Amino acid sequence: MIRASQVASRIRVQVLDKQWDGAIRHVAAGASQTTVFVERREDLSAVAASAEHPSVKHTVWAGTCVERPDRSLIFHSGLLPDQLAGLLSGKPPRDAGPAGQIPLEIETGPAVAAVTGAIVEAQRRLPEARFRARWVEFDQQVKIGYGGAVFDDRRSTRRIRIDAALERSDRAATASAERVIKNDNNYISDVISEIIERLEARMNAADPVAGPTTVVFAPAIAGIWIHELVGHAAEADTAMRGRSWLTPDIDSLPAGLTVIDDPRRARASWKFDDEGTPVRPVALIHEGRPKELLHSRRTAAEWGAKTTGHGRRGSYREPILPRMGCTFIANGTDDPNEILQNVQEGIYVRRMESAHTDPTTGRAVFRVTDADRIRCGKLVSPLKPHLLETVAGKALEAIEGIGCDLAFDRCIGTCHRKGQPLPASVGAPTICTRLMTVRF
């Protein structure tokens, strides 16, 4: 039996069809510097766990906003095309008849089958462990009007995460693994194999040694580090307030370091941002030198720069902010195996998440949830969870190796900025750096 909670907002049906185009074009053309944003968003999550019934949460909502430089954001849920002009004037939309439900489009069956199948297979392969599987999916359709033009975009993504816990006598371990789902290949078996391998290995995890250390990041993992320390520092509104450590005069970073943000490569990619600006890749750092910032239309105008297609909002209720899409370190030329072999003592980080970041100073703390000790160029033992502290400028300057094995989204998360959540992607090859500190 599936315990399902399916929620559809009790508002008028809002279908983003061609009727909107004329209404948006009329309003955007008639009001200077006015942006019209219309969206329909559907979210699905399915959860299954050992000895528990699966649960489903399915929500959908829609709304419209009008944004102008000279006034506060105006928004309304469930608006119809012929009510758009009234929203711009600030008048409450007239009643358009009985409220209805926005129809759900995402099928719940594949999600439920995936998480329940994952639990069954995982328990078969390791009966003594406890498992939890979670499927997360969303689909966002948008129409944006600006300057008499209308832009359409659709952003969607699916991912699955499996967490596991195992106890034997006086020992215990936890492990996690996840995947962005891009096709119907045998991804669940791959995730289960990975998580069981790490769960068994981590039964013998040891305490790390506190203090300064050399760190080797597994493929993709340094992307989290770069997202927090470089990406947020390169958001133009932060830089304009003088609150970014990443200033144009920095010239001490390794020449092989290039950091790019390209929303087209994100797990929830976009072609146009929420202001209708076409997206383009932006080199935040190019060959060791700070180069560009991430701009919305407003910050670009104030900075005297070109827009980059990074103006996003968490929903139609929120104002535009410069945001990251997919932030990654470009491939280097170093052999990943040689990077590891050159480290005498250090840690190899497999999974981590952000704990605290200050883009002004570049100081950050990360929670490392899966890592191994490096000794004489080899991985010798798993380490218990710990904190890793870093200062961006110093740790970036201390990079000793940039691999050629770029990977994306091994640790998947949502970026929160000023209360606005957005899915974010990160990537990196194998990276080695000194001047990081292990804390407990």
Protein backbone atom coordinates (compact mmCIF):
# COMPACT_ATOMS: atom_id res chain seq x y z
CA MET A 1 0.00 0.00 0.00
CA ILE A 2 1.27 3.47 -0.87
CA ARG A 3 0.54 6.32 1.49
CA ALA A 4 0.23 9.21 -0.90
CA SER A 5 -0.27 12.89 -0.32
CA GLN A 6 -1.20 14.51 -3.61
CA VAL A 7 -1.69 18.25 -3.40
CA ALA A 8 -2.98 20.50 -6.15
CA SER A 9 -3.42 24.21 -5.44
CA ARG A 10 -7.07 25.24 -5.45
CA ILE A 11 -6.60 27.96 -8.03
CA ARG A 12 -7.74 28.46 -11.58
CA VAL A 13 -6.26 26.17 -14.18
CA GLN A 14 -3.23 27.87 -15.71
CA VAL A 15 -1.97 26.32 -18.94
CA LEU A 16 1.04 28.00 -20.51
CA ASP A 17 -0.33 27.99 -24.04
CA LYS A 18 -0.13 30.53 -26.88
CA GLN A 19 -2.88 32.66 -25.32
CA TRP A 20 -0.25 33.92 -22.93
CA ASP A 21 2.10 35.09 -25.68
CA GLY A 22 -0.12 37.90 -26.90
CA ALA A 23 -0.95 39.08 -23.38
CA ILE A 24 2.70 39.03 -22.29
CA ARG A 25 3.90 40.75 -25.46
CA HIS A 26 1.29 43.49 -25.07
CA VAL A 27 2.19 44.23 -21.44
CA ALA A 28 5.97 43.98 -21.89
CA ALA A 29 5.95 46.22 -24.96
CA GLY A 30 3.72 48.84 -23.38
CA ALA A 31 5.74 49.35 -20.21
CA SER A 32 9.41 50.27 -20.41
CA GLN A 33 11.87 47.92 -18.66
CA THR A 34 9.06 45.63 -17.53
CA THR A 35 9.61 41.90 -17.14
CA VAL A 36 6.66 39.51 -17.11
CA PHE A 37 7.28 36.04 -15.67
CA VAL A 38 4.73 33.21 -15.80
CA GLU A 39 5.46 29.74 -14.44
CA ARG A 40 3.93 26.36 -13.80
CA ARG A 41 5.89 24.08 -11.47
CA GLU A 42 5.29 20.49 -10.45
CA ASP A 43 7.27 18.63 -7.76
CA LEU A 44 7.29 14.93 -6.93
CA SER A 45 9.10 13.10 -4.17
CA ALA A 46 8.82 9.41 -3.33
CA VAL A 47 10.43 7.81 -0.28
CA ALA A 48 10.83 4.15 0.67
CA ALA A 49 12.70 2.67 3.62
CA SER A 50 13.39 -0.70 5.20
CA ALA A 51 10.24 -2.13 6.84
CA GLU A 52 8.17 0.97 5.99
CA HIS A 53 5.45 1.80 3.50
CA PRO A 54 6.53 4.09 0.65
CA SER A 55 5.18 7.64 0.71
CA VAL A 56 4.59 10.12 -2.08
CA LYS A 57 4.26 13.90 -2.08
CA HIS A 58 3.06 15.48 -5.31
CA THR A 59 2.47 19.24 -5.61
CA VAL A 60 1.79 21.68 -8.41
CA TRP A 61 1.38 25.44 -8.49
CA ALA A 62 1.36 28.29 -10.95
CA GLY A 63 1.67 32.05 -10.85
CA THR A 64 2.64 35.28 -12.55
CA CYS A 65 4.71 38.29 -11.59
CA VAL A 66 5.49 41.68 -13.09
CA GLU A 67 8.78 43.35 -12.22
CA ARG A 68 9.78 46.97 -12.91
CA PRO A 69 12.76 48.98 -11.63
CA ASP A 70 10.54 51.70 -10.16
CA ARG A 71 8.19 49.58 -8.07
CA SER A 72 7.97 46.50 -5.88
CA LEU A 73 7.42 43.07 -7.36
CA ILE A 74 3.75 42.36 -8.13
CA PHE A 75 2.66 38.72 -8.20
CA HIS A 76 -0.49 36.62 -8.23
CA SER A 77 -1.25 32.90 -8.26
CA GLY A 78 -3.44 31.31 -10.91
CA LEU A 79 -3.74 34.38 -13.11
CA LEU A 80 -5.34 34.07 -16.55
CA PRO A 81 -3.97 35.81 -19.68
CA ASP A 82 -6.73 38.43 -19.86
CA GLN A 83 -5.98 39.47 -16.25
CA LEU A 84 -2.33 40.32 -16.86
CA ALA A 85 -2.88 43.99 -17.72
CA GLY A 86 -4.80 44.43 -14.48
CA LEU A 87 -1.92 42.97 -12.50
CA LEU A 88 0.45 45.53 -14.01
CA SER A 89 -1.84 48.38 -12.99
CA GLY A 90 -1.88 47.12 -9.42
CA LYS A 91 -5.60 46.34 -9.44
CA PRO A 92 -6.75 43.03 -7.94
CA PRO A 93 -7.68 40.63 -10.79
CA ARG A 94 -11.40 40.28 -11.31
CA ASP A 95 -13.05 36.97 -10.53
CA ALA A 96 -12.85 34.69 -13.56
CA GLY A 97 -15.23 32.03 -12.32
CA PRO A 98 -15.03 28.96 -10.08
CA ALA A 99 -11.62 27.81 -8.95
CA GLY A 100 -10.26 24.56 -10.33
CA GLN A 101 -7.24 22.35 -9.94
CA ILE A 102 -4.04 22.48 -11.93
CA PRO A 103 -3.74 19.03 -13.53
CA LEU A 104 -0.81 16.86 -12.51
CA GLU A 105 1.40 15.67 -15.36
CA ILE A 106 4.30 13.77 -13.78
CA GLU A 107 3.53 10.06 -13.36
CA THR A 108 4.12 8.75 -9.84
CA GLY A 109 4.50 5.11 -10.90
CA PRO A 110 8.14 5.21 -12.07
CA ALA A 111 9.24 7.03 -8.91
CA VAL A 112 7.49 4.58 -6.56
CA ALA A 113 8.80 1.61 -8.53
CA ALA A 114 12.34 2.99 -8.39
CA VAL A 115 12.49 3.55 -4.63
CA THR A 116 10.70 0.34 -3.67
CA GLY A 117 12.81 -1.65 -6.12
CA ALA A 118 15.95 -0.07 -4.69
CA ILE A 119 15.02 -1.09 -1.15
CA VAL A 120 14.17 -4.66 -2.20
CA GLU A 121 17.45 -5.12 -4.07
CA ALA A 122 19.54 -3.46 -1.36
CA GLN A 123 18.02 -5.61 1.40
CA ARG A 124 18.57 -8.74 -0.69
CA ARG A 125 22.25 -7.89 -1.09
CA LEU A 126 22.85 -6.78 2.52
CA PRO A 127 19.94 -7.94 4.74
CA GLU A 128 21.40 -6.69 8.03
CA ALA A 129 21.59 -3.04 6.91
CA ARG A 130 18.86 -0.41 6.95
CA PHE A 131 18.20 1.52 3.74
CA ARG A 132 16.26 4.61 2.72
CA ALA A 133 15.69 5.64 -0.91
CA ARG A 134 14.36 9.01 -2.06
CA TRP A 135 13.35 10.08 -5.57
CA VAL A 136 13.09 13.82 -6.29
CA GLU A 137 11.69 15.20 -9.54
CA PHE A 138 10.45 18.56 -10.74
CA ASP A 139 9.26 20.15 -13.94
CA GLN A 140 9.06 23.93 -14.45
CA GLN A 141 7.54 25.60 -17.50
CA VAL A 142 8.08 29.34 -17.88
CA LYS A 143 7.20 32.19 -20.21
CA ILE A 144 9.13 35.45 -19.92
CA GLY A 145 8.26 38.72 -21.61
CA TYR A 146 10.60 41.66 -22.06
CA GLY A 147 10.80 44.42 -24.66
CA GLY A 148 7.92 43.04 -26.71
CA ALA A 149 9.42 39.54 -27.03
CA VAL A 150 8.31 36.30 -25.37
CA PHE A 151 10.74 33.55 -24.36
CA ASP A 152 9.79 29.98 -23.48
CA ASP A 153 11.86 27.61 -21.38
CA ARG A 154 11.43 24.32 -19.55
CA ARG A 155 13.62 23.12 -16.68
CA SER A 156 13.32 19.61 -15.28
CA THR A 157 15.39 17.03 -13.45
CA ARG A 158 15.17 13.68 -11.66
CA ARG A 159 17.50 12.22 -9.06
CA ILE A 160 17.64 9.35 -6.60
CA ARG A 161 19.52 9.10 -3.31
CA ILE A 162 20.06 6.04 -1.14
CA ASP A 163 21.21 6.23 2.49
CA ALA A 164 22.30 3.20 4.47
CA ALA A 165 23.23 2.32 8.05
CA LEU A 166 24.87 -0.84 9.36
CA GLU A 167 25.65 -2.05 12.90
CA ARG A 168 27.79 -5.02 13.86
CA SER A 169 28.68 -5.65 17.49
CA ASP A 170 30.22 -2.40 18.74
CA ARG A 171 30.82 -0.96 15.28
CA ALA A 172 28.53 1.13 13.08
CA ALA A 173 28.72 2.90 9.75
CA THR A 174 26.63 5.02 7.43
CA ALA A 175 26.97 5.71 3.72
CA SER A 176 25.13 7.60 0.98
CA ALA A 177 25.12 7.65 -2.80
CA GLU A 178 23.02 9.40 -5.43
CA ARG A 179 22.58 9.88 -9.14
CA VAL A 180 21.04 12.36 -11.54
CA ILE A 181 18.75 10.24 -13.71
CA LYS A 182 19.28 10.96 -17.39
CA ASN A 183 18.24 7.64 -18.92
CA ASP A 184 16.80 4.26 -18.02
CA ASN A 185 20.06 2.36 -17.67
CA ASN A 186 20.75 0.20 -14.63
CA TYR A 187 21.55 3.16 -12.38
CA ILE A 188 19.92 1.70 -9.24
CA SER A 189 22.18 -1.35 -9.18
CA ASP A 190 25.20 0.92 -9.65
CA VAL A 191 24.14 3.13 -6.73
CA ILE A 192 23.49 0.11 -4.49
CA SER A 193 26.87 -1.42 -5.35
CA GLU A 194 28.60 1.85 -4.50
CA ILE A 195 26.79 2.31 -1.21
CA ILE A 196 27.34 -1.27 -0.01
CA GLU A 197 31.03 -1.07 -0.84
CA ARG A 198 31.43 2.15 1.16
CA LEU A 199 29.26 0.87 4.01
CA GLU A 200 31.44 -2.21 4.46
CA ALA A 201 34.64 -0.18 4.21
CA ARG A 202 33.47 2.42 6.69
CA MET A 203 32.84 -0.18 9.41
CA ASN A 204 36.54 0.24 10.20
CA ALA A 205 36.66 4.04 9.93
CA ALA A 206 39.26 5.80 12.08
CA ASP A 207 39.46 9.29 13.54
CA PRO A 208 41.29 11.76 11.29
CA VAL A 209 44.24 13.72 12.60
CA ALA A 210 43.25 17.29 13.44
CA GLY A 211 45.25 20.13 11.94
CA PRO A 212 46.65 21.23 8.57
CA THR A 213 46.51 18.64 5.82
CA THR A 214 46.82 18.03 2.11
CA VAL A 215 43.50 17.17 0.47
CA VAL A 216 42.77 15.24 -2.70
CA PHE A 217 39.19 15.66 -3.90
CA ALA A 218 37.64 12.78 -5.84
CA PRO A 219 36.23 13.67 -9.28
CA ALA A 220 33.30 16.15 -9.03
CA ILE A 221 33.73 16.79 -5.28
CA ALA A 222 35.89 19.92 -5.54
CA GLY A 223 32.95 21.43 -7.42
CA ILE A 224 31.21 21.89 -4.06
CA TRP A 225 34.25 23.77 -2.77
CA ILE A 226 34.36 25.97 -5.88
CA HIS A 227 30.59 26.60 -5.84
CA GLU A 228 30.79 27.96 -2.31
CA LEU A 229 34.07 29.88 -2.47
CA VAL A 230 34.27 31.10 -6.07
CA GLY A 231 30.69 30.94 -7.34
CA HIS A 232 29.06 32.91 -4.54
CA ALA A 233 31.92 35.41 -4.55
CA ALA A 234 31.33 35.93 -8.29
CA GLU A 235 27.62 36.77 -7.98
CA ALA A 236 27.62 40.37 -9.13
CA ASP A 237 25.42 41.85 -6.42
CA THR A 238 27.82 40.48 -3.80
CA ALA A 239 30.84 41.95 -5.61
CA MET A 240 29.08 45.31 -6.07
CA ARG A 241 28.61 45.62 -2.31
CA GLY A 242 32.34 45.08 -1.79
CA ARG A 243 31.68 41.75 -0.09
CA SER A 244 33.67 39.44 -2.35
CA TRP A 245 37.21 38.21 -1.76
CA LEU A 246 37.47 37.49 -5.52
CA THR A 247 38.80 40.83 -6.79
CA PRO A 248 40.27 41.57 -10.25
CA ASP A 249 43.74 42.28 -8.86
CA ILE A 250 44.31 38.71 -7.66
CA ASP A 251 47.28 37.28 -9.58
CA SER A 252 48.55 34.44 -7.38
CA LEU A 253 46.28 31.59 -8.46
CA PRO A 254 47.68 28.66 -10.47
CA ALA A 255 47.80 29.32 -14.21
CA GLY A 256 46.11 25.98 -14.84
CA LEU A 257 42.99 26.91 -12.86
CA THR A 258 39.90 27.80 -14.90
CA VAL A 259 36.45 27.97 -13.27
CA ILE A 260 33.32 28.18 -15.44
CA ASP A 261 29.61 28.53 -14.79
CA ASP A 262 27.47 27.18 -17.63
CA PRO A 263 23.75 26.67 -16.89
CA ARG A 264 23.37 24.69 -20.11
CA ARG A 265 25.27 21.84 -18.42
CA ALA A 266 23.21 21.91 -15.22
CA ARG A 267 21.00 19.02 -14.13
CA ALA A 268 18.09 21.47 -14.41
CA SER A 269 19.51 23.42 -17.34
CA TRP A 270 18.04 26.61 -18.77
CA LYS A 271 18.26 28.28 -22.20
CA PHE A 272 16.97 31.67 -21.01
CA ASP A 273 17.14 33.06 -17.52
CA ASP A 274 14.07 34.42 -15.72
CA GLU A 275 14.51 37.80 -17.43
CA GLY A 276 14.53 36.30 -20.94
CA THR A 277 18.30 36.69 -21.42
CA PRO A 278 19.95 33.88 -23.41
CA VAL A 279 22.39 31.97 -21.24
CA ARG A 280 26.10 31.74 -21.98
CA PRO A 281 29.07 30.14 -20.23
CA VAL A 282 30.97 32.53 -17.96
CA ALA A 283 34.64 32.12 -17.03
CA LEU A 284 34.79 33.19 -13.38
CA ILE A 285 38.51 32.43 -13.31
CA HIS A 286 40.48 32.02 -16.54
CA GLU A 287 43.97 30.55 -16.37
CA GLY A 288 44.44 31.76 -12.82
CA ARG A 289 42.99 35.27 -13.17
CA PRO A 290 39.50 36.45 -12.11
CA LYS A 291 37.62 37.33 -15.28
CA GLU A 292 33.81 37.71 -15.19
CA LEU A 293 30.91 37.94 -12.77
CA LEU A 294 27.45 36.38 -12.90
CA HIS A 295 24.96 39.09 -13.82
CA SER A 296 21.27 39.80 -13.88
CA ARG A 297 20.05 42.60 -16.14
CA ARG A 298 20.12 45.07 -13.24
CA THR A 299 23.62 44.26 -12.03
CA ALA A 300 24.98 44.29 -15.59
CA ALA A 301 23.56 47.77 -16.15
CA GLU A 302 25.00 49.06 -12.87
CA TRP A 303 28.38 47.41 -13.50
CA GLY A 304 28.57 48.48 -17.14
CA ALA A 305 28.87 44.85 -18.23
CA LYS A 306 27.04 42.48 -20.54
CA THR A 307 24.24 40.33 -19.17
CA THR A 308 25.17 36.67 -18.76
CA GLY A 309 21.81 34.90 -18.48
CA HIS A 310 22.11 34.24 -14.74
CA GLY A 311 19.13 36.25 -13.44
CA ARG A 312 16.96 33.70 -11.62
CA ARG A 313 14.16 33.67 -9.05
CA GLY A 314 13.14 30.88 -6.71
CA SER A 315 9.52 31.32 -7.76
CA TYR A 316 7.18 33.95 -9.21
CA ARG A 317 6.91 35.37 -5.68
CA GLU A 318 10.60 36.27 -5.48
CA PRO A 319 12.80 39.02 -6.99
CA ILE A 320 15.58 38.33 -9.48
CA LEU A 321 19.08 37.55 -8.17
CA PRO A 322 22.30 36.58 -9.97
CA ARG A 323 22.55 32.79 -9.49
CA MET A 324 24.78 29.91 -10.45
CA GLY A 325 23.71 27.12 -12.78
CA CYS A 326 26.56 24.62 -13.17
CA THR A 327 29.87 25.69 -11.65
CA PHE A 328 32.92 23.59 -12.38
CA ILE A 329 36.69 23.46 -12.59
CA ALA A 330 37.79 22.79 -16.16
CA ASN A 331 39.98 19.78 -16.90
CA GLY A 332 43.69 20.10 -16.30
CA THR A 333 46.49 17.96 -17.69
CA ASP A 334 47.62 15.98 -14.63
CA ASP A 335 47.13 12.23 -14.36
CA PRO A 336 44.68 11.52 -11.49
CA ASN A 337 46.64 8.48 -10.33
CA GLU A 338 49.86 10.46 -10.19
CA ILE A 339 48.14 13.22 -8.21
CA LEU A 340 47.31 10.67 -5.50
CA GLN A 341 50.71 8.95 -5.66
CA ASN A 342 52.49 12.26 -5.02
CA VAL A 343 50.79 12.78 -1.64
CA GLN A 344 52.72 11.41 1.34
CA GLU A 345 50.13 12.24 4.03
CA GLY A 346 46.63 13.61 3.57
CA ILE A 347 42.96 12.81 3.08
CA TYR A 348 40.98 11.73 0.03
CA VAL A 349 37.50 13.29 0.10
CA ARG A 350 34.69 11.27 -1.49
CA ARG A 351 31.63 13.12 -0.18
CA MET A 352 31.11 16.46 1.56
CA GLU A 353 28.59 19.26 2.01
CA SER A 354 28.81 22.93 2.86
CA ALA A 355 28.47 23.96 6.51
CA HIS A 356 29.37 27.67 6.45
CA THR A 357 30.72 30.07 3.82
CA ASP A 358 31.72 33.74 3.95
CA PRO A 359 32.24 35.16 0.43
CA THR A 360 33.78 38.31 1.90
CA THR A 361 36.75 36.57 3.49
CA GLY A 362 36.67 33.36 1.47
CA ARG A 363 36.59 31.32 4.67
CA ALA A 364 34.43 28.20 4.63
CA VAL A 365 33.76 25.05 6.63
CA PHE A 366 32.61 21.80 5.02
CA ARG A 367 31.23 18.60 6.54
CA VAL A 368 33.15 15.64 5.15
CA THR A 369 30.94 12.54 5.36
CA ASP A 370 33.12 10.06 3.48
CA ALA A 371 36.91 10.17 3.16
CA ASP A 372 40.02 7.99 3.28
CA ARG A 373 43.45 8.53 4.77
CA ILE A 374 46.31 8.88 2.26
CA ARG A 375 49.70 7.52 3.24
CA CYS A 376 52.66 7.26 0.88
CA GLY A 377 50.46 7.80 -2.15
CA LYS A 378 47.89 5.12 -1.29
CA LEU A 379 44.44 5.00 0.31
CA VAL A 380 44.95 3.11 3.56
CA SER A 381 41.80 3.46 5.70
CA PRO A 382 38.38 5.15 5.79
CA LEU A 383 37.95 8.15 8.08
CA LYS A 384 35.08 9.11 10.35
CA PRO A 385 33.04 12.24 9.47
CA HIS A 386 34.78 15.50 10.28
CA LEU A 387 34.96 19.19 9.37
CA LEU A 388 37.29 20.69 6.80
CA GLU A 389 38.14 24.37 7.09
CA THR A 390 39.59 26.40 4.23
CA VAL A 391 40.33 29.94 3.13
CA ALA A 392 39.69 30.32 -0.58
CA GLY A 393 42.64 32.40 -1.69
CA LYS A 394 45.25 30.40 0.23
CA ALA A 395 43.84 26.98 -0.67
CA LEU A 396 43.44 27.88 -4.35
CA GLU A 397 46.99 29.21 -4.45
CA ALA A 398 48.13 25.90 -2.94
CA ILE A 399 46.61 23.70 -5.66
CA GLU A 400 49.23 21.16 -6.69
CA GLY A 401 47.33 19.07 -9.21
CA ILE A 402 44.36 19.42 -11.58
CA GLY A 403 43.31 16.13 -13.14
CA CYS A 404 41.85 15.34 -16.55
CA ASP A 405 38.83 13.35 -15.28
CA LEU A 406 36.10 16.02 -15.02
CA ALA A 407 32.86 14.68 -13.50
CA PHE A 408 29.60 16.24 -12.34
CA ASP A 409 27.01 15.91 -9.58
CA ARG A 410 28.38 13.19 -7.31
CA CYS A 411 26.99 15.13 -4.33
CA ILE A 412 23.69 16.71 -5.31
CA GLY A 413 22.19 19.65 -3.50
CA THR A 414 20.01 22.72 -3.62
CA CYS A 415 21.56 26.18 -3.43
CA HIS A 416 19.79 28.58 -1.06
CA ARG A 417 20.37 32.30 -1.44
CA LYS A 418 18.36 34.92 0.43
CA GLY A 419 15.70 32.32 1.10
CA GLN A 420 15.38 31.29 -2.55
CA PRO A 421 16.16 27.62 -3.34
CA LEU A 422 17.39 26.55 -6.79
CA PRO A 423 18.83 23.24 -7.99
CA ALA A 424 22.55 23.63 -8.66
CA SER A 425 25.12 21.46 -10.40
CA VAL A 426 28.84 21.28 -9.68
CA GLY A 427 31.79 19.55 -11.26
CA ALA A 428 35.55 19.12 -11.11
CA PRO A 429 38.33 16.72 -12.00
CA THR A 430 40.56 15.22 -9.33
CA ILE A 431 42.09 18.16 -7.41
CA CYS A 432 44.94 18.28 -4.90
CA THR A 433 45.51 21.25 -2.61
CA ARG A 434 47.41 22.02 0.57
CA LEU A 435 46.55 24.49 3.34
CA MET A 436 43.26 22.96 4.48
CA THR A 437 42.55 22.14 8.11
CA VAL A 438 40.77 19.16 9.69
CA ARG A 439 38.48 20.05 12.62
CA PHE A 440 36.21 18.01 14.89
